Amino acid sequence: MNRAIDGAEPEWAPLRGRDDERVWRAVLQPIARTLRRSAAEVAEDTVQFVREKLPELFVDLQRVDEARTSTEESVRLFAQLLEVGGDPANSDLPPSTLAIMRSAVWRQMPLSWHSRFYRLALEQVWRWMHGRILGQTMEGVDRERAVSLATTMLFEFIDRAMSRADQAYEVERETWLQGAAASRAAAIDDVLADRDRDVHSLSARLRYDLNLHHLGIIVWRGFPSSSDASLPELSDVVAGIARAIGAGSSISHPLGSFAVAGWFNSHRPLELDLESCLDATGASLIPEGVKVATGECATGIDGFRLTHAQAGHARRVATLQHSSATGVTRYEDIAVIALCVADPQHAKRFVRQTLGALSASGELTRRLAMTLSVYLRENRSRTKTAAELSVHPNTVSYRVHQAEELLGRRIDEDSLELRVALEILPVLDGLDTSRSGIG
């Protein structure tokens, strides 16, 4: 520090010109020494100035004291830098400022507030220096040179400080988010495993009210992803759907490298179908290749578990269907199938025994089976079946007759077993190729 004062070349390059160094030594060094001795007073005035502009930063006296200490240390650091001709690029943040940036993350204060603080502090310190430079008796050119050097160093110092503060904030925020994510994941596991019944404590850990109505979903890619980059995308789908259906809040929880579980809560019951997964422009919120399974809306901590379990069943059925199309599978639409395919081997034997030749693969056979399934669901109404399938009623009669021939009996016999087998049939190929269901 004393080397520059004693005549050694200053570290900061702009001070190495003959005239610049002369002005620095004659004008700026004495001002820097005064600033260093007056650091507490300048800091007090600066904090008061910022408080008037940004009252939201100072909600209690502790934060005022913290800001005053940090500002005083920063002012003193800059004064020392100016006094010795140090390079602002090599300066670092005072410990008190680092502590403030860490606490800002914990308090969830926006980084923009602190950036604004720096800009206002810069304005106040610059005014202090500018006034003292103008108070010196010197020629016009030297005065301009002194103002330019002091301003440039101050701006470089603040820019460096803001950059380091931003970095410290982001590092602390990432660490904090990882800890918060870990805590939330542990809380979700505790709820799903029924290890903890303290709704108040769990809601606080989740930052999600467990006392409300809940709708559980699972969002996944129809094919395994080799990149973790898919998880943020799937979480964004959860968040987008939450906004679209007017949920109070939402949370997401990774289920692997290509699947995310999500929950929405609300004071009112929630519903989800393909039409509700549209944005304001009518575009789908579900990217190509992504699928959604949903449970039914349920209430309270038990409802949180139930709707998630139902979404898991819906996902299992959707996966068994081997469809590449994007869409929403709702538990209420596949509850019977989900129940029947819990034992895949038993389900396959039941379908083949009940349907016989009607269970064979092939487009024509499956069309006959689908027509028969709709016909039975519509209480044997040719008109309603024809309307749903967009065919002529005579076509319905023809297909039903062909289906009866493949069955080898009339559809009046064992109609309950027949309807159940027809419900399972769309996932039969999936049961043949899967070793186990996905929960």
Protein backbone atom coordinates (compact mmCIF):
# COMPACT_ATOMS: atom_id res chain seq x y z
CA MET A 1 0.00 0.00 0.00
CA ASN A 2 2.80 2.41 0.91
CA ARG A 3 4.77 1.67 -2.24
CA ALA A 4 2.43 3.69 -4.45
CA ILE A 5 2.29 6.50 -1.91
CA ASP A 6 6.08 6.53 -1.67
CA GLY A 7 6.49 6.87 -5.44
CA ALA A 8 6.11 3.35 -6.82
CA GLU A 9 4.12 2.94 -10.00
CA PRO A 10 0.38 2.55 -9.27
CA GLU A 11 -1.26 -0.78 -10.15
CA TRP A 12 -4.24 0.73 -11.97
CA ALA A 13 -3.25 1.38 -15.61
CA PRO A 14 -5.10 4.74 -16.08
CA LEU A 15 -2.90 6.31 -13.39
CA ARG A 16 0.38 5.53 -15.14
CA GLY A 17 0.35 8.50 -17.52
CA ARG A 18 2.54 11.35 -16.34
CA ASP A 19 -0.20 13.95 -16.03
CA ASP A 20 -2.73 11.43 -14.70
CA GLU A 21 -0.36 10.24 -12.00
CA ARG A 22 0.48 13.83 -11.06
CA VAL A 23 -3.21 14.74 -10.62
CA TRP A 24 -3.85 11.53 -8.73
CA ARG A 25 -1.06 12.17 -6.25
CA ALA A 26 -1.80 15.88 -5.85
CA VAL A 27 -5.63 15.75 -5.72
CA LEU A 28 -7.10 12.26 -5.44
CA GLN A 29 -4.81 10.76 -2.82
CA PRO A 30 -5.61 13.50 -0.24
CA ILE A 31 -9.34 13.10 -1.02
CA ALA A 32 -9.01 9.32 -0.65
CA ARG A 33 -7.41 9.73 2.80
CA THR A 34 -10.24 12.03 3.85
CA LEU A 35 -12.81 9.55 2.52
CA ARG A 36 -11.18 6.70 4.41
CA ARG A 37 -11.34 8.67 7.68
CA SER A 38 -14.92 9.77 6.93
CA ALA A 39 -16.16 6.32 5.89
CA ALA A 40 -18.63 6.00 8.79
CA GLU A 41 -20.16 9.40 8.14
CA VAL A 42 -20.43 8.81 4.38
CA ALA A 43 -21.98 5.40 5.00
CA GLU A 44 -24.56 6.88 7.36
CA ASP A 45 -25.59 9.50 4.79
CA THR A 46 -25.64 6.90 2.01
CA VAL A 47 -27.88 4.46 3.91
CA GLN A 48 -30.25 7.28 4.83
CA PHE A 49 -30.40 8.31 1.18
CA VAL A 50 -31.13 4.74 0.05
CA ARG A 51 -33.75 4.24 2.79
CA GLU A 52 -35.72 7.13 1.36
CA LYS A 53 -35.59 5.57 -2.12
CA LEU A 54 -36.00 1.90 -1.17
CA PRO A 55 -37.90 1.63 2.12
CA GLU A 56 -38.77 -2.02 1.36
CA LEU A 57 -35.13 -2.94 1.94
CA PHE A 58 -35.23 -1.74 5.55
CA VAL A 59 -38.13 -3.40 7.31
CA ASP A 60 -36.34 -3.46 10.67
CA LEU A 61 -33.39 -1.84 12.46
CA GLN A 62 -31.24 -4.93 12.04
CA ARG A 63 -31.22 -4.47 8.29
CA VAL A 64 -30.38 -0.80 8.70
CA ASP A 65 -27.38 -1.72 10.87
CA GLU A 66 -26.30 -4.41 8.41
CA ALA A 67 -26.48 -1.97 5.49
CA ARG A 68 -24.59 0.70 7.44
CA THR A 69 -21.76 -1.69 8.36
CA SER A 70 -21.48 -3.09 4.85
CA THR A 71 -21.53 0.35 3.26
CA GLU A 72 -18.87 1.68 5.64
CA GLU A 73 -16.57 -1.25 4.88
CA SER A 74 -17.11 -0.80 1.13
CA VAL A 75 -16.46 2.95 1.27
CA ARG A 76 -13.29 2.38 3.27
CA LEU A 77 -12.17 -0.32 0.81
CA PHE A 78 -12.67 2.02 -2.14
CA ALA A 79 -10.89 4.86 -0.38
CA GLN A 80 -7.87 2.65 0.28
CA LEU A 81 -7.91 1.49 -3.34
CA LEU A 82 -7.95 5.08 -4.60
CA GLU A 83 -5.27 6.08 -2.15
CA VAL A 84 -2.76 3.42 -3.26
CA GLY A 85 -3.75 3.35 -6.93
CA GLY A 86 -4.95 -0.23 -6.78
CA ASP A 87 -6.78 -1.97 -9.62
CA PRO A 88 -10.57 -2.23 -8.95
CA ALA A 89 -10.66 -5.48 -10.94
CA ASN A 90 -8.74 -7.15 -8.12
CA SER A 91 -10.97 -5.91 -5.30
CA ASP A 92 -13.29 -8.19 -3.35
CA LEU A 93 -16.42 -7.85 -1.26
CA PRO A 94 -16.18 -7.11 2.46
CA PRO A 95 -17.32 -10.00 4.71
CA SER A 96 -20.32 -7.97 5.86
CA THR A 97 -21.56 -7.62 2.27
CA LEU A 98 -21.19 -11.36 1.66
CA ALA A 99 -23.25 -11.97 4.79
CA ILE A 100 -25.98 -9.64 3.52
CA MET A 101 -26.15 -11.44 0.17
CA ARG A 102 -26.51 -14.80 1.91
CA SER A 103 -29.25 -13.53 4.20
CA ALA A 104 -31.03 -11.96 1.22
CA VAL A 105 -31.45 -15.42 -0.24
CA TRP A 106 -32.80 -16.83 3.02
CA ARG A 107 -35.22 -13.89 3.28
CA GLN A 108 -36.19 -14.36 -0.40
CA MET A 109 -35.36 -10.77 -1.27
CA PRO A 110 -35.00 -10.07 -5.02
CA LEU A 111 -31.47 -9.55 -6.28
CA SER A 112 -32.70 -6.48 -8.14
CA TRP A 113 -33.22 -4.68 -4.81
CA HIS A 114 -29.53 -4.99 -4.00
CA SER A 115 -28.48 -3.94 -7.48
CA ARG A 116 -30.58 -0.83 -6.97
CA PHE A 117 -28.88 -0.26 -3.59
CA TYR A 118 -25.46 -0.32 -5.28
CA ARG A 119 -26.54 2.17 -7.93
CA LEU A 120 -27.93 4.59 -5.34
CA ALA A 121 -24.84 4.21 -3.15
CA LEU A 122 -22.67 4.90 -6.20
CA GLU A 123 -24.60 8.11 -6.80
CA GLN A 124 -24.12 9.28 -3.21
CA VAL A 125 -20.37 8.52 -3.01
CA TRP A 126 -19.78 10.08 -6.42
CA ARG A 127 -21.46 13.30 -5.24
CA TRP A 128 -19.21 13.35 -2.15
CA MET A 129 -16.04 13.00 -4.23
CA HIS A 130 -17.19 15.34 -6.97
CA GLY A 131 -17.87 18.09 -4.48
CA ARG A 132 -14.38 17.82 -3.00
CA ILE A 133 -12.68 17.72 -6.38
CA LEU A 134 -14.48 20.88 -7.43
CA GLY A 135 -13.36 22.49 -4.17
CA GLN A 136 -9.72 22.15 -5.16
CA THR A 137 -7.96 25.15 -6.76
CA MET A 138 -6.54 23.74 -10.02
CA GLU A 139 -6.58 24.38 -13.75
CA GLY A 140 -9.61 23.32 -15.77
CA VAL A 141 -7.84 20.49 -17.58
CA ASP A 142 -6.52 18.98 -14.34
CA ARG A 143 -9.94 19.29 -12.74
CA GLU A 144 -11.51 17.38 -15.65
CA ARG A 145 -8.75 14.79 -15.41
CA ALA A 146 -9.34 14.33 -11.67
CA VAL A 147 -13.10 13.98 -12.15
CA SER A 148 -12.60 11.48 -14.97
CA LEU A 149 -10.12 9.33 -13.02
CA ALA A 150 -12.17 9.30 -9.83
CA THR A 151 -15.39 8.54 -11.71
CA THR A 152 -13.84 5.75 -13.76
CA MET A 153 -12.31 4.07 -10.74
CA LEU A 154 -15.54 4.35 -8.76
CA PHE A 155 -17.60 2.88 -11.60
CA GLU A 156 -15.14 0.02 -12.08
CA PHE A 157 -15.13 -0.62 -8.33
CA ILE A 158 -18.95 -0.71 -8.18
CA ASP A 159 -19.17 -2.87 -11.29
CA ARG A 160 -16.75 -5.36 -9.75
CA ALA A 161 -18.63 -5.27 -6.44
CA MET A 162 -22.00 -5.83 -8.13
CA SER A 163 -20.61 -8.69 -10.16
CA ARG A 164 -19.19 -10.39 -7.06
CA ALA A 165 -22.40 -9.73 -5.14
CA ASP A 166 -24.49 -11.27 -7.93
CA GLN A 167 -22.19 -14.29 -7.96
CA ALA A 168 -22.39 -14.69 -4.18
CA TYR A 169 -26.19 -14.39 -4.31
CA GLU A 170 -26.53 -17.02 -7.04
CA VAL A 171 -24.17 -19.47 -5.33
CA GLU A 172 -26.07 -19.12 -2.07
CA ARG A 173 -29.40 -19.32 -3.88
CA GLU A 174 -28.40 -22.54 -5.65
CA THR A 175 -27.29 -24.06 -2.38
CA TRP A 176 -30.47 -22.89 -0.67
CA LEU A 177 -32.68 -24.21 -3.47
CA GLN A 178 -30.97 -27.59 -3.38
CA GLY A 179 -31.57 -27.74 0.34
CA ALA A 180 -35.18 -26.60 -0.08
CA ALA A 181 -35.71 -29.14 -2.87
CA ALA A 182 -34.25 -31.89 -0.71
CA SER A 183 -36.48 -30.88 2.20
CA ARG A 184 -39.54 -30.81 -0.06
CA ALA A 185 -38.69 -34.20 -1.57
CA ALA A 186 -38.30 -35.69 1.90
CA ALA A 187 -41.64 -34.19 2.96
CA ILE A 188 -43.39 -35.64 -0.10
CA ASP A 189 -41.90 -39.05 0.66
CA ASP A 190 -43.11 -38.76 4.26
CA VAL A 191 -46.64 -37.96 3.09
CA LEU A 192 -46.80 -40.72 0.49
CA ALA A 193 -45.38 -43.31 2.91
CA ASP A 194 -47.75 -42.10 5.67
CA ARG A 195 -44.78 -41.62 8.01
CA ASP A 196 -45.92 -38.21 9.20
CA ARG A 197 -49.46 -37.01 9.96
CA ASP A 198 -48.59 -33.49 11.11
CA VAL A 199 -50.39 -31.55 8.38
CA HIS A 200 -49.21 -28.14 9.62
CA SER A 201 -45.55 -29.13 9.71
CA LEU A 202 -45.69 -30.94 6.38
CA SER A 203 -47.46 -28.02 4.70
CA ALA A 204 -44.70 -25.71 5.92
CA ARG A 205 -41.99 -28.03 4.60
CA LEU A 206 -43.77 -28.39 1.27
CA ARG A 207 -44.83 -24.73 1.07
CA TYR A 208 -48.11 -26.22 -0.08
CA ASP A 209 -51.35 -26.37 1.92
CA LEU A 210 -52.33 -30.00 2.50
CA ASN A 211 -55.73 -29.07 3.95
CA LEU A 212 -57.24 -28.17 0.56
CA HIS A 213 -58.52 -30.09 -2.46
CA HIS A 214 -55.73 -31.84 -4.39
CA LEU A 215 -55.40 -33.09 -7.95
CA GLY A 216 -52.42 -35.35 -8.64
CA ILE A 217 -50.84 -35.81 -12.05
CA ILE A 218 -47.84 -37.57 -13.55
CA VAL A 219 -46.11 -36.07 -16.58
CA TRP A 220 -43.66 -38.19 -18.53
CA ARG A 221 -42.06 -38.72 -21.88
CA GLY A 222 -43.31 -41.64 -23.93
CA PHE A 223 -39.70 -42.79 -24.23
CA PRO A 224 -36.78 -42.77 -21.76
CA SER A 225 -34.63 -39.67 -21.94
CA SER A 226 -30.86 -39.85 -21.66
CA SER A 227 -30.72 -36.23 -20.51
CA ASP A 228 -31.74 -34.68 -17.19
CA ALA A 229 -32.75 -31.62 -19.22
CA SER A 230 -36.17 -33.22 -19.66
CA LEU A 231 -36.99 -32.84 -15.96
CA PRO A 232 -37.14 -29.01 -15.97
CA GLU A 233 -39.28 -29.19 -19.11
CA LEU A 234 -41.70 -31.62 -17.44
CA SER A 235 -41.82 -29.45 -14.32
CA ASP A 236 -42.67 -26.49 -16.57
CA VAL A 237 -45.58 -28.52 -17.96
CA VAL A 238 -46.86 -29.05 -14.40
CA ALA A 239 -46.58 -25.32 -13.69
CA GLY A 240 -48.28 -24.40 -16.96
CA ILE A 241 -51.23 -26.72 -16.31
CA ALA A 242 -51.54 -25.31 -12.78
CA ARG A 243 -51.99 -21.82 -14.21
CA ALA A 244 -54.40 -23.04 -16.88
CA ILE A 245 -56.80 -24.72 -14.43
CA GLY A 246 -56.57 -21.96 -11.84
CA ALA A 247 -54.85 -23.93 -9.09
CA GLY A 248 -53.97 -22.16 -5.86
CA SER A 249 -50.44 -23.58 -5.89
CA SER A 250 -48.55 -26.53 -7.31
CA ILE A 251 -45.54 -28.69 -6.54
CA SER A 252 -43.59 -31.18 -8.63
CA HIS A 253 -41.46 -34.15 -7.67
CA PRO A 254 -39.12 -36.11 -10.00
CA LEU A 255 -39.93 -39.80 -10.41
CA GLY A 256 -36.86 -40.62 -12.48
CA SER A 257 -35.03 -39.23 -15.46
CA PHE A 258 -38.14 -38.80 -17.61
CA ALA A 259 -41.15 -38.51 -15.28
CA VAL A 260 -42.40 -35.90 -12.82
CA ALA A 261 -45.25 -36.13 -10.32
CA GLY A 262 -47.27 -33.00 -9.69
CA TRP A 263 -49.99 -31.82 -7.34
CA PHE A 264 -52.36 -28.87 -7.57
CA ASN A 265 -54.37 -27.54 -4.65
CA SER A 266 -57.39 -25.25 -4.46
CA HIS A 267 -60.28 -24.26 -2.23
CA ARG A 268 -62.55 -25.76 -4.88
CA PRO A 269 -62.50 -29.17 -6.63
CA LEU A 270 -60.23 -29.28 -9.70
CA GLU A 271 -60.63 -31.16 -12.96
CA LEU A 272 -58.20 -31.85 -15.77
CA ASP A 273 -58.74 -32.99 -19.34
CA LEU A 274 -57.09 -32.36 -22.68
CA GLU A 275 -59.08 -29.18 -23.29
CA SER A 276 -57.89 -27.64 -20.02
CA CYS A 277 -54.26 -28.14 -21.09
CA LEU A 278 -54.37 -25.20 -23.51
CA ASP A 279 -52.76 -21.80 -23.13
CA ALA A 280 -54.42 -18.45 -23.80
CA THR A 281 -53.81 -18.79 -27.55
CA GLY A 282 -55.34 -22.27 -27.71
CA ALA A 283 -52.00 -24.03 -28.11
CA SER A 284 -51.39 -27.22 -26.16
CA LEU A 285 -49.34 -26.93 -22.97
CA ILE A 286 -48.17 -30.51 -23.47
CA PRO A 287 -45.13 -30.78 -25.79
CA GLU A 288 -44.99 -33.47 -28.43
CA GLY A 289 -43.97 -36.82 -26.98
CA VAL A 290 -45.09 -35.87 -23.45
CA LYS A 291 -48.04 -37.57 -21.74
CA VAL A 292 -50.12 -36.75 -18.69
CA ALA A 293 -51.98 -39.05 -16.30
CA THR A 294 -54.27 -37.66 -13.65
CA GLY A 295 -56.05 -38.92 -10.57
CA GLU A 296 -59.35 -37.65 -9.22
CA CYS A 297 -59.63 -34.61 -7.00
CA ALA A 298 -59.46 -35.51 -3.30
CA THR A 299 -59.20 -33.61 -0.02
CA GLY A 300 -56.64 -33.39 2.78
CA ILE A 301 -53.45 -35.32 3.39
CA ASP A 302 -55.14 -38.65 2.59
CA GLY A 303 -56.46 -37.14 -0.63
CA PHE A 304 -52.92 -36.02 -1.52
CA ARG A 305 -51.81 -39.67 -1.41
CA LEU A 306 -54.93 -41.05 -3.07
CA THR A 307 -54.92 -38.80 -6.12
CA HIS A 308 -51.21 -39.54 -6.66
CA ALA A 309 -51.85 -43.29 -6.49
CA GLN A 310 -54.68 -42.93 -8.98
CA ALA A 311 -52.44 -40.94 -11.34
CA GLY A 312 -49.94 -43.79 -11.09
CA HIS A 313 -52.61 -46.29 -12.11
CA ALA A 314 -53.65 -44.05 -15.01
CA ARG A 315 -50.04 -43.80 -16.14
CA ARG A 316 -49.67 -47.58 -16.00
CA VAL A 317 -52.70 -48.08 -18.22
CA ALA A 318 -51.57 -45.33 -20.63
CA THR A 319 -48.17 -46.99 -20.89
CA LEU A 320 -49.72 -50.38 -21.61
CA GLN A 321 -51.62 -48.88 -24.53
CA HIS A 322 -48.30 -48.17 -26.31
CA SER A 323 -49.72 -45.05 -27.95
CA SER A 324 -47.23 -42.46 -29.19
CA ALA A 325 -49.87 -39.73 -29.20
CA THR A 326 -49.72 -36.89 -26.70
CA GLY A 327 -52.71 -36.81 -24.42
CA VAL A 328 -54.28 -36.99 -20.97
CA THR A 329 -55.29 -40.26 -19.33
CA ARG A 330 -57.76 -39.73 -16.50
CA TYR A 331 -58.14 -42.30 -13.74
CA GLU A 332 -61.92 -42.01 -13.76
CA ASP A 333 -61.90 -43.17 -17.39
CA ILE A 334 -59.71 -46.24 -16.83
CA ALA A 335 -60.43 -47.23 -13.21
CA VAL A 336 -61.91 -50.60 -14.21
CA ILE A 337 -59.02 -51.39 -16.54
CA ALA A 338 -56.48 -50.41 -13.88
CA LEU A 339 -58.14 -52.75 -11.40
CA CYS A 340 -58.36 -55.62 -13.86
CA VAL A 341 -54.74 -55.47 -15.06
CA ALA A 342 -53.21 -55.40 -11.59
CA ASP A 343 -52.40 -59.08 -12.24
CA PRO A 344 -51.25 -59.04 -15.91
CA GLN A 345 -51.13 -62.80 -16.39
CA HIS A 346 -54.60 -63.29 -14.94
CA ALA A 347 -55.95 -60.42 -17.08
CA LYS A 348 -54.53 -61.89 -20.30
CA ARG A 349 -56.01 -65.32 -19.60
CA PHE A 350 -59.38 -63.78 -18.76
CA VAL A 351 -59.54 -61.73 -21.99
CA ARG A 352 -58.55 -64.59 -24.26
CA GLN A 353 -60.87 -67.04 -22.55
CA THR A 354 -63.82 -64.61 -22.67
CA LEU A 355 -63.35 -63.16 -26.15
CA GLY A 356 -61.79 -66.08 -27.98
CA ALA A 357 -61.11 -65.17 -31.61
CA LEU A 358 -62.34 -61.62 -30.98
CA SER A 359 -59.17 -61.01 -28.92
CA ALA A 360 -56.89 -61.63 -31.90
CA SER A 361 -54.63 -58.85 -33.14
CA GLY A 362 -55.46 -57.13 -36.37
CA GLU A 363 -57.15 -53.94 -37.44
CA LEU A 364 -60.41 -55.55 -38.57
CA THR A 365 -60.87 -57.63 -35.41
CA ARG A 366 -60.09 -54.73 -33.11
CA ARG A 367 -62.58 -52.54 -35.00
CA LEU A 368 -65.30 -55.13 -34.41
CA ALA A 369 -64.36 -55.37 -30.72
CA MET A 370 -64.38 -51.58 -30.31
CA THR A 371 -67.80 -51.34 -31.95
CA LEU A 372 -69.14 -54.05 -29.67
CA SER A 373 -67.71 -52.33 -26.60
CA VAL A 374 -69.38 -49.01 -27.46
CA TYR A 375 -72.60 -50.81 -28.35
CA LEU A 376 -72.79 -52.46 -24.92
CA ARG A 377 -71.82 -49.24 -23.16
CA GLU A 378 -74.63 -47.40 -24.98
CA ASN A 379 -77.19 -50.00 -23.82
CA ARG A 380 -77.30 -51.67 -27.24
CA SER A 381 -78.44 -48.51 -29.01
CA ARG A 382 -77.48 -48.63 -32.69
CA THR A 383 -78.18 -44.91 -33.07
CA LYS A 384 -75.98 -43.76 -30.20
CA THR A 385 -73.21 -46.17 -31.16
CA ALA A 386 -73.31 -45.01 -34.77
CA ALA A 387 -73.15 -41.35 -33.66
CA GLU A 388 -70.13 -41.98 -31.43
CA LEU A 389 -68.28 -43.96 -34.10
CA SER A 390 -69.44 -41.74 -37.01
CA VAL A 391 -70.81 -44.68 -38.98
CA HIS A 392 -74.25 -45.73 -40.24
CA PRO A 393 -76.51 -47.68 -37.82
CA ASN A 394 -76.59 -50.56 -40.32
CA THR A 395 -72.79 -50.72 -40.06
CA VAL A 396 -73.13 -51.09 -36.30
CA SER A 397 -75.55 -54.01 -36.74
CA TYR A 398 -73.23 -55.67 -39.24
CA ARG A 399 -70.18 -55.36 -36.98
CA VAL A 400 -72.03 -56.61 -33.90
CA HIS A 401 -73.18 -59.67 -35.88
CA GLN A 402 -69.61 -60.35 -37.03
CA ALA A 403 -68.35 -59.97 -33.44
CA GLU A 404 -70.90 -62.53 -32.25
CA GLU A 405 -69.66 -64.97 -34.88
CA LEU A 406 -66.06 -64.59 -33.61
CA LEU A 407 -67.27 -65.00 -30.02
CA GLY A 408 -69.19 -68.12 -30.94
CA ARG A 409 -72.18 -67.05 -28.88
CA ARG A 410 -74.72 -64.29 -28.50
CA ILE A 411 -73.77 -61.17 -26.57
CA ASP A 412 -76.68 -61.74 -24.19
CA GLU A 413 -74.64 -64.43 -22.46
CA ASP A 414 -72.16 -63.45 -19.70
CA SER A 415 -72.55 -59.78 -20.62
CA LEU A 416 -70.67 -58.45 -17.54
CA GLU A 417 -67.60 -60.60 -18.25
CA LEU A 418 -67.83 -59.61 -21.91
CA ARG A 419 -67.87 -55.88 -21.14
CA VAL A 420 -64.94 -56.18 -18.75
CA ALA A 421 -62.90 -58.19 -21.25
CA LEU A 422 -63.62 -55.62 -23.96
CA GLU A 423 -62.43 -52.82 -21.62
CA ILE A 424 -59.13 -54.66 -21.06
CA LEU A 425 -58.61 -55.52 -24.73
CA PRO A 426 -56.98 -52.17 -25.76
CA VAL A 427 -54.08 -52.86 -23.37
CA LEU A 428 -53.73 -56.56 -24.16
CA ASP A 429 -50.71 -56.05 -26.42
CA GLY A 430 -49.09 -54.01 -23.67
CA LEU A 431 -49.69 -56.81 -21.18
CA ASP A 432 -48.03 -59.22 -23.58
CA THR A 433 -44.83 -57.14 -23.81
CA SER A 434 -44.56 -55.71 -20.29
CA ARG A 435 -42.99 -57.52 -17.39
CA SER A 436 -44.59 -55.35 -14.77
CA GLY A 437 -46.84 -52.34 -14.48
CA ILE A 438 -45.69 -48.80 -13.75
CA GLY A 439 -47.01 -47.34 -10.52
